[in-house]
Amino acid sequence: MFGMVILFDQFNLPENIYEIIFATKQQVIVAKLLVEEMKGKDGEMGKTEMSMFATALHEGRLIEEIREGPIQAKKKVSLSYNKRQFYDRILTPMKTMGIIDYDLYKKTYKLSEKFNKNMMRIGLMWLQELRKPPRSIRVKR
């Protein structure tokens, strides 16, 4: 079973959710671009639209404005991201975490609130674990 590992430092949480979920700056930018693209299409994209987005990324045809340096100067960059890696490292993890849903019948990708529900469920699992009575652990001598 494929799973994502989210590691974070509670004392240094980034302002940006993508930086908690994704390991590299490039993945952060690509994931954010995908969500923005989907928001612009009422939170939903068909398989063909997703493929076109992935192809544009692959061919370096997407232009993103990023902020850099201490004064946060705006800089336009042409983004290039391998199409297969887009599906493997961006879209698939976003689906498995519940950030994006895929509707098999409509063949569409849709932004989802399931990620939030899953994170709350994980928090409740931790509370249940905390409240369990201690088990006796024997140490061999």
N, C-alpha and C. Protein backbone atom coordinates (compact mmCIF):
# COMPACT_ATOMS: atom_id res chain seq x y z
N MET A 1 0.84 -1.20 0.00
CA MET A 1 0.00 0.00 0.00
C MET A 1 0.88 1.25 0.00
N PHE A 2 0.57 2.16 -0.87
CA PHE A 2 1.30 3.42 -0.98
C PHE A 2 0.80 4.37 0.10
N GLY A 3 1.71 5.05 0.75
CA GLY A 3 1.30 6.01 1.76
C GLY A 3 2.23 7.21 1.77
N MET A 4 1.74 8.29 2.32
CA MET A 4 2.55 9.50 2.43
C MET A 4 3.00 9.64 3.87
N VAL A 5 4.17 10.16 4.05
CA VAL A 5 4.67 10.47 5.38
C VAL A 5 4.77 11.99 5.47
N ILE A 6 4.11 12.55 6.45
CA ILE A 6 4.20 13.99 6.67
C ILE A 6 4.97 14.19 7.97
N LEU A 7 6.13 14.79 7.85
CA LEU A 7 6.94 15.11 9.03
C LEU A 7 6.93 16.62 9.19
N PHE A 8 6.68 17.08 10.41
CA PHE A 8 6.70 18.52 10.62
C PHE A 8 7.22 18.84 12.01
N ASP A 9 7.69 20.05 12.15
CA ASP A 9 8.19 20.56 13.41
C ASP A 9 7.12 21.52 13.94
N GLN A 10 6.49 21.15 15.05
CA GLN A 10 5.40 21.96 15.59
C GLN A 10 5.82 23.39 15.94
N PHE A 11 7.11 23.61 16.16
CA PHE A 11 7.60 24.93 16.52
C PHE A 11 7.99 25.77 15.31
N ASN A 12 8.09 25.12 14.16
CA ASN A 12 8.45 25.81 12.92
C ASN A 12 7.53 25.40 11.78
N LEU A 13 6.24 25.50 12.00
CA LEU A 13 5.30 25.14 10.95
C LEU A 13 5.34 26.19 9.84
N PRO A 14 5.50 25.75 8.60
CA PRO A 14 5.46 26.73 7.51
C PRO A 14 4.06 27.36 7.41
N GLU A 15 4.01 28.54 6.81
CA GLU A 15 2.73 29.23 6.59
C GLU A 15 1.92 28.52 5.52
N ASN A 16 2.63 27.77 4.68
CA ASN A 16 2.08 27.21 3.46
C ASN A 16 1.84 25.70 3.63
N ILE A 17 0.62 25.23 3.48
CA ILE A 17 0.26 23.82 3.64
C ILE A 17 1.08 22.92 2.72
N TYR A 18 1.38 23.41 1.53
CA TYR A 18 2.13 22.61 0.55
C TYR A 18 3.53 22.26 1.05
N GLU A 19 4.12 23.17 1.84
CA GLU A 19 5.46 22.94 2.37
C GLU A 19 5.47 21.88 3.48
N ILE A 20 4.31 21.61 4.05
CA ILE A 20 4.20 20.55 5.05
C ILE A 20 4.06 19.20 4.34
N ILE A 21 3.35 19.20 3.24
CA ILE A 21 3.01 17.97 2.54
C ILE A 21 4.11 17.49 1.59
N PHE A 22 4.76 18.42 0.91
CA PHE A 22 5.74 18.05 -0.12
C PHE A 22 7.17 18.34 0.30
N ALA A 23 8.09 17.49 -0.17
CA ALA A 23 9.48 17.52 0.27
C ALA A 23 10.33 18.60 -0.41
N THR A 24 10.08 18.86 -1.68
CA THR A 24 10.95 19.80 -2.40
C THR A 24 10.20 21.07 -2.79
N LYS A 25 10.97 22.14 -2.98
CA LYS A 25 10.40 23.43 -3.38
C LYS A 25 9.66 23.30 -4.72
N GLN A 26 10.24 22.51 -5.63
CA GLN A 26 9.62 22.33 -6.95
C GLN A 26 8.26 21.63 -6.82
N GLN A 27 8.18 20.60 -5.96
CA GLN A 27 6.90 19.91 -5.74
C GLN A 27 5.88 20.86 -5.13
N VAL A 28 6.32 21.70 -4.22
CA VAL A 28 5.44 22.69 -3.58
C VAL A 28 4.83 23.60 -4.64
N ILE A 29 5.69 24.11 -5.53
CA ILE A 29 5.23 25.04 -6.58
C ILE A 29 4.26 24.34 -7.53
N VAL A 30 4.59 23.11 -7.94
CA VAL A 30 3.74 22.38 -8.89
C VAL A 30 2.38 22.04 -8.26
N ALA A 31 2.38 21.59 -7.00
CA ALA A 31 1.13 21.25 -6.32
C ALA A 31 0.25 22.48 -6.18
N LYS A 32 0.86 23.59 -5.81
CA LYS A 32 0.10 24.84 -5.65
C LYS A 32 -0.48 25.29 -6.99
N LEU A 33 0.32 25.19 -8.05
CA LEU A 33 -0.15 25.54 -9.39
C LEU A 33 -1.35 24.67 -9.79
N LEU A 34 -1.26 23.38 -9.49
CA LEU A 34 -2.36 22.47 -9.81
C LEU A 34 -3.63 22.88 -9.09
N VAL A 35 -3.53 23.16 -7.81
CA VAL A 35 -4.72 23.56 -7.03
C VAL A 35 -5.28 24.87 -7.58
N GLU A 36 -4.40 25.82 -7.90
CA GLU A 36 -4.87 27.10 -8.46
C GLU A 36 -5.58 26.88 -9.80
N GLU A 37 -5.01 26.01 -10.63
CA GLU A 37 -5.62 25.68 -11.93
C GLU A 37 -7.02 25.08 -11.71
N MET A 38 -7.11 24.17 -10.73
CA MET A 38 -8.40 23.53 -10.45
C MET A 38 -9.41 24.52 -9.88
N LYS A 39 -8.96 25.41 -9.01
CA LYS A 39 -9.84 26.44 -8.45
C LYS A 39 -10.42 27.30 -9.57
N GLY A 40 -9.58 27.60 -10.56
CA GLY A 40 -10.01 28.40 -11.70
C GLY A 40 -11.04 27.69 -12.57
N LYS A 41 -11.18 26.40 -12.37
CA LYS A 41 -12.16 25.60 -13.11
C LYS A 41 -13.22 25.05 -12.15
N ASP A 42 -13.60 25.86 -11.18
CA ASP A 42 -14.60 25.49 -10.16
C ASP A 42 -14.22 24.22 -9.39
N GLY A 43 -12.93 24.01 -9.19
CA GLY A 43 -12.46 22.90 -8.37
C GLY A 43 -12.49 21.54 -9.04
N GLU A 44 -12.68 21.52 -10.35
CA GLU A 44 -12.82 20.23 -11.05
C GLU A 44 -12.16 20.26 -12.43
N MET A 45 -11.46 19.17 -12.76
CA MET A 45 -10.83 19.04 -14.07
C MET A 45 -11.05 17.64 -14.62
N GLY A 46 -11.30 17.55 -15.91
CA GLY A 46 -11.44 16.25 -16.55
C GLY A 46 -10.07 15.62 -16.77
N LYS A 47 -10.08 14.34 -17.14
CA LYS A 47 -8.83 13.62 -17.40
C LYS A 47 -8.01 14.30 -18.50
N THR A 48 -8.69 14.75 -19.54
CA THR A 48 -8.02 15.40 -20.67
C THR A 48 -7.37 16.71 -20.23
N GLU A 49 -8.12 17.51 -19.45
CA GLU A 49 -7.58 18.77 -18.94
C GLU A 49 -6.35 18.53 -18.06
N MET A 50 -6.43 17.47 -17.23
CA MET A 50 -5.31 17.14 -16.34
C MET A 50 -4.09 16.74 -17.17
N SER A 51 -4.33 15.97 -18.22
CA SER A 51 -3.26 15.54 -19.10
C SER A 51 -2.63 16.74 -19.80
N MET A 52 -3.46 17.69 -20.22
CA MET A 52 -2.96 18.89 -20.89
C MET A 52 -2.12 19.73 -19.92
N PHE A 53 -2.56 19.81 -18.67
CA PHE A 53 -1.81 20.54 -17.64
C PHE A 53 -0.45 19.87 -17.43
N ALA A 54 -0.45 18.53 -17.30
CA ALA A 54 0.78 17.76 -17.09
C ALA A 54 1.73 17.91 -18.29
N THR A 55 1.18 17.93 -19.49
CA THR A 55 1.99 18.08 -20.71
C THR A 55 2.61 19.47 -20.77
N ALA A 56 1.81 20.50 -20.45
CA ALA A 56 2.32 21.88 -20.44
C ALA A 56 3.47 22.00 -19.43
N LEU A 57 3.32 21.35 -18.29
CA LEU A 57 4.38 21.33 -17.27
C LEU A 57 5.63 20.64 -17.83
N HIS A 58 5.41 19.47 -18.43
CA HIS A 58 6.49 18.65 -18.98
C HIS A 58 7.29 19.43 -20.04
N GLU A 59 6.57 20.19 -20.84
CA GLU A 59 7.20 20.93 -21.94
C GLU A 59 7.72 22.30 -21.51
N GLY A 60 7.54 22.63 -20.24
CA GLY A 60 8.03 23.92 -19.73
C GLY A 60 7.25 25.11 -20.22
N ARG A 61 5.95 24.91 -20.51
CA ARG A 61 5.12 25.99 -21.04
C ARG A 61 4.34 26.74 -19.96
N LEU A 62 4.50 26.35 -18.69
CA LEU A 62 3.80 27.06 -17.62
C LEU A 62 4.73 28.10 -17.02
N ILE A 63 4.24 29.31 -16.90
CA ILE A 63 5.01 30.41 -16.33
C ILE A 63 4.44 30.70 -14.95
N GLU A 64 5.31 30.76 -13.96
CA GLU A 64 4.88 31.03 -12.59
C GLU A 64 5.65 32.23 -12.06
N GLU A 65 4.94 33.05 -11.30
CA GLU A 65 5.58 34.20 -10.66
C GLU A 65 5.96 33.77 -9.26
N ILE A 66 7.24 33.82 -8.93
CA ILE A 66 7.66 33.44 -7.58
C ILE A 66 8.30 34.65 -6.89
N ARG A 67 8.26 34.62 -5.57
CA ARG A 67 8.89 35.68 -4.78
C ARG A 67 10.20 35.14 -4.22
N GLU A 68 11.24 35.95 -4.36
CA GLU A 68 12.57 35.51 -3.95
C GLU A 68 13.26 36.54 -3.09
N GLY A 69 14.16 36.04 -2.26
CA GLY A 69 15.05 36.90 -1.51
C GLY A 69 14.41 37.60 -0.33
N PRO A 70 15.21 38.37 0.40
CA PRO A 70 14.71 39.03 1.61
C PRO A 70 13.65 40.10 1.32
N ILE A 71 13.69 40.71 0.12
CA ILE A 71 12.68 41.73 -0.19
C ILE A 71 11.50 41.13 -0.96
N GLN A 72 11.54 39.79 -1.15
CA GLN A 72 10.46 39.08 -1.84
C GLN A 72 10.17 39.66 -3.23
N ALA A 73 11.22 39.88 -4.00
CA ALA A 73 11.08 40.39 -5.36
C ALA A 73 10.39 39.35 -6.24
N LYS A 74 9.47 39.81 -7.08
CA LYS A 74 8.76 38.91 -7.99
C LYS A 74 9.64 38.57 -9.18
N LYS A 75 9.59 37.29 -9.55
CA LYS A 75 10.40 36.82 -10.67
C LYS A 75 9.56 35.80 -11.45
N LYS A 76 9.50 35.95 -12.77
CA LYS A 76 8.75 35.00 -13.59
C LYS A 76 9.68 33.87 -14.01
N VAL A 77 9.22 32.64 -13.76
CA VAL A 77 10.03 31.49 -14.16
C VAL A 77 9.20 30.52 -14.99
N SER A 78 9.86 29.90 -15.94
CA SER A 78 9.23 28.87 -16.75
C SER A 78 9.42 27.55 -16.00
N LEU A 79 8.32 26.90 -15.68
CA LEU A 79 8.38 25.66 -14.91
C LEU A 79 8.43 24.45 -15.82
N SER A 80 9.29 23.53 -15.48
CA SER A 80 9.34 22.28 -16.21
C SER A 80 9.32 21.15 -15.19
N TYR A 81 8.39 20.22 -15.37
CA TYR A 81 8.28 19.09 -14.44
C TYR A 81 7.87 17.87 -15.23
N ASN A 82 8.61 16.80 -15.09
CA ASN A 82 8.36 15.56 -15.83
C ASN A 82 6.91 15.08 -15.63
N LYS A 83 6.27 14.72 -16.74
CA LYS A 83 4.86 14.33 -16.71
C LYS A 83 4.62 13.10 -15.83
N ARG A 84 5.46 12.09 -15.97
CA ARG A 84 5.29 10.88 -15.16
C ARG A 84 5.49 11.19 -13.67
N GLN A 85 6.51 12.02 -13.37
CA GLN A 85 6.74 12.40 -11.98
C GLN A 85 5.60 13.25 -11.44
N PHE A 86 4.97 14.03 -12.30
CA PHE A 86 3.80 14.82 -11.88
C PHE A 86 2.72 13.87 -11.36
N TYR A 87 2.44 12.82 -12.12
CA TYR A 87 1.41 11.87 -11.70
C TYR A 87 1.85 11.09 -10.45
N ASP A 88 3.11 10.65 -10.42
CA ASP A 88 3.61 9.83 -9.31
C ASP A 88 3.84 10.61 -8.02
N ARG A 89 4.38 11.83 -8.13
CA ARG A 89 4.82 12.56 -6.93
C ARG A 89 3.92 13.70 -6.52
N ILE A 90 3.00 14.09 -7.40
CA ILE A 90 2.10 15.20 -7.06
C ILE A 90 0.64 14.73 -7.02
N LEU A 91 0.13 14.30 -8.17
CA LEU A 91 -1.30 13.98 -8.24
C LEU A 91 -1.67 12.75 -7.42
N THR A 92 -0.93 11.66 -7.54
CA THR A 92 -1.26 10.44 -6.79
C THR A 92 -1.22 10.67 -5.27
N PRO A 93 -0.16 11.29 -4.73
CA PRO A 93 -0.19 11.57 -3.30
C PRO A 93 -1.35 12.48 -2.88
N MET A 94 -1.70 13.45 -3.72
CA MET A 94 -2.81 14.34 -3.39
C MET A 94 -4.13 13.56 -3.37
N LYS A 95 -4.24 12.55 -4.23
CA LYS A 95 -5.43 11.69 -4.22
C LYS A 95 -5.44 10.80 -2.98
N THR A 96 -4.30 10.19 -2.65
CA THR A 96 -4.28 9.26 -1.52
C THR A 96 -4.50 9.97 -0.19
N MET A 97 -4.14 11.25 -0.11
CA MET A 97 -4.34 12.01 1.14
C MET A 97 -5.73 12.62 1.22
N GLY A 98 -6.49 12.60 0.14
CA GLY A 98 -7.84 13.17 0.17
C GLY A 98 -7.88 14.65 -0.17
N ILE A 99 -6.82 15.18 -0.78
CA ILE A 99 -6.81 16.58 -1.21
C ILE A 99 -7.59 16.70 -2.52
N ILE A 100 -7.43 15.67 -3.35
CA ILE A 100 -8.13 15.60 -4.65
C ILE A 100 -8.85 14.26 -4.72
N ASP A 101 -10.08 14.30 -5.21
CA ASP A 101 -10.89 13.10 -5.43
C ASP A 101 -10.93 12.80 -6.92
N TYR A 102 -11.01 11.53 -7.27
CA TYR A 102 -11.20 11.16 -8.67
C TYR A 102 -12.54 10.46 -8.80
N ASP A 103 -13.40 10.96 -9.66
CA ASP A 103 -14.71 10.37 -9.91
C ASP A 103 -14.59 9.42 -11.10
N LEU A 104 -14.69 8.12 -10.82
CA LEU A 104 -14.54 7.11 -11.86
C LEU A 104 -15.59 7.20 -12.96
N TYR A 105 -16.80 7.60 -12.59
CA TYR A 105 -17.90 7.66 -13.56
C TYR A 105 -17.80 8.88 -14.45
N LYS A 106 -17.56 10.04 -13.84
CA LYS A 106 -17.43 11.28 -14.61
C LYS A 106 -16.03 11.46 -15.18
N LYS A 107 -15.08 10.65 -14.68
CA LYS A 107 -13.67 10.77 -15.08
C LYS A 107 -13.14 12.18 -14.85
N THR A 108 -13.41 12.69 -13.64
CA THR A 108 -12.93 14.03 -13.29
C THR A 108 -12.19 14.01 -11.97
N TYR A 109 -11.26 14.96 -11.85
CA TYR A 109 -10.53 15.20 -10.61
C TYR A 109 -11.20 16.39 -9.94
N LYS A 110 -11.38 16.31 -8.64
CA LYS A 110 -12.10 17.37 -7.93
C LYS A 110 -11.39 17.67 -6.61
N LEU A 111 -11.25 18.97 -6.29
CA LEU A 111 -10.68 19.34 -5.00
C LEU A 111 -11.62 18.84 -3.91
N SER A 112 -11.05 18.35 -2.82
CA SER A 112 -11.84 17.68 -1.79
C SER A 112 -11.48 18.16 -0.38
N GLU A 113 -12.43 18.02 0.53
CA GLU A 113 -12.20 18.36 1.94
C GLU A 113 -11.82 17.13 2.75
N LYS A 114 -11.68 15.98 2.09
CA LYS A 114 -11.38 14.74 2.81
C LYS A 114 -10.06 14.80 3.57
N PHE A 115 -9.08 15.56 3.04
CA PHE A 115 -7.79 15.71 3.72
C PHE A 115 -8.02 16.25 5.14
N ASN A 116 -8.85 17.27 5.25
CA ASN A 116 -9.17 17.86 6.55
C ASN A 116 -9.82 16.83 7.47
N LYS A 117 -10.77 16.09 6.95
CA LYS A 117 -11.45 15.06 7.75
C LYS A 117 -10.48 13.98 8.20
N ASN A 118 -9.56 13.59 7.31
CA ASN A 118 -8.56 12.58 7.65
C ASN A 118 -7.62 13.08 8.74
N MET A 119 -7.20 14.35 8.65
CA MET A 119 -6.31 14.90 9.67
C MET A 119 -7.01 14.95 11.03
N MET A 120 -8.30 15.27 11.03
CA MET A 120 -9.05 15.28 12.29
C MET A 120 -9.17 13.86 12.84
N ARG A 121 -9.38 12.90 11.96
CA ARG A 121 -9.47 11.49 12.37
C ARG A 121 -8.15 11.02 12.98
N ILE A 122 -7.04 11.45 12.38
CA ILE A 122 -5.72 11.09 12.91
C ILE A 122 -5.54 11.70 14.31
N GLY A 123 -5.97 12.94 14.48
CA GLY A 123 -5.90 13.58 15.79
C GLY A 123 -6.72 12.83 16.83
N LEU A 124 -7.90 12.37 16.43
CA LEU A 124 -8.75 11.59 17.35
C LEU A 124 -8.11 10.24 17.68
N MET A 125 -7.45 9.64 16.70
CA MET A 125 -6.75 8.37 16.96
C MET A 125 -5.66 8.57 18.02
N TRP A 126 -4.98 9.71 17.94
CA TRP A 126 -3.94 9.99 18.92
C TRP A 126 -4.55 10.18 20.31
N LEU A 127 -5.69 10.89 20.38
CA LEU A 127 -6.36 11.07 21.68
C LEU A 127 -6.77 9.73 22.28
N GLN A 128 -7.29 8.83 21.43
CA GLN A 128 -7.67 7.49 21.92
C GLN A 128 -6.44 6.74 22.44
N GLU A 129 -5.32 6.85 21.74
CA GLU A 129 -4.09 6.19 22.16
C GLU A 129 -3.62 6.75 23.51
N LEU A 130 -3.70 8.07 23.66
CA LEU A 130 -3.29 8.71 24.92
C LEU A 130 -4.11 8.22 26.11
N ARG A 131 -5.39 7.95 25.86
CA ARG A 131 -6.31 7.60 26.96
C ARG A 131 -6.32 6.12 27.31
N LYS A 132 -5.63 5.30 26.51
CA LYS A 132 -5.56 3.87 26.82
C LYS A 132 -4.75 3.67 28.10
N PRO A 133 -5.16 2.69 28.92
CA PRO A 133 -4.35 2.42 30.12
C PRO A 133 -2.99 1.84 29.70
N PRO A 134 -1.97 2.06 30.52
CA PRO A 134 -0.64 1.55 30.15
C PRO A 134 -0.59 0.03 30.16
N ARG A 135 0.17 -0.55 29.23
CA ARG A 135 0.41 -1.99 29.22
C ARG A 135 1.63 -2.25 30.06
N SER A 136 1.64 -3.40 30.70
CA SER A 136 2.85 -3.71 31.46
C SER A 136 3.87 -4.29 30.50
N ILE A 137 5.05 -3.75 30.56
CA ILE A 137 6.14 -4.19 29.68
C ILE A 137 7.19 -4.86 30.56
N ARG A 138 7.52 -6.07 30.19
CA ARG A 138 8.52 -6.82 30.97
C ARG A 138 9.89 -6.69 30.32
N VAL A 139 10.88 -6.48 31.15
CA VAL A 139 12.25 -6.39 30.67
C VAL A 139 12.96 -7.69 31.04
N LYS A 140 13.59 -8.33 30.06
CA LYS A 140 14.34 -9.55 30.31
C LYS A 140 15.57 -9.22 31.13
N ARG A 141 15.91 -10.13 32.05
CA ARG A 141 17.13 -9.93 32.85
C ARG A 141 18.14 -10.97 32.51
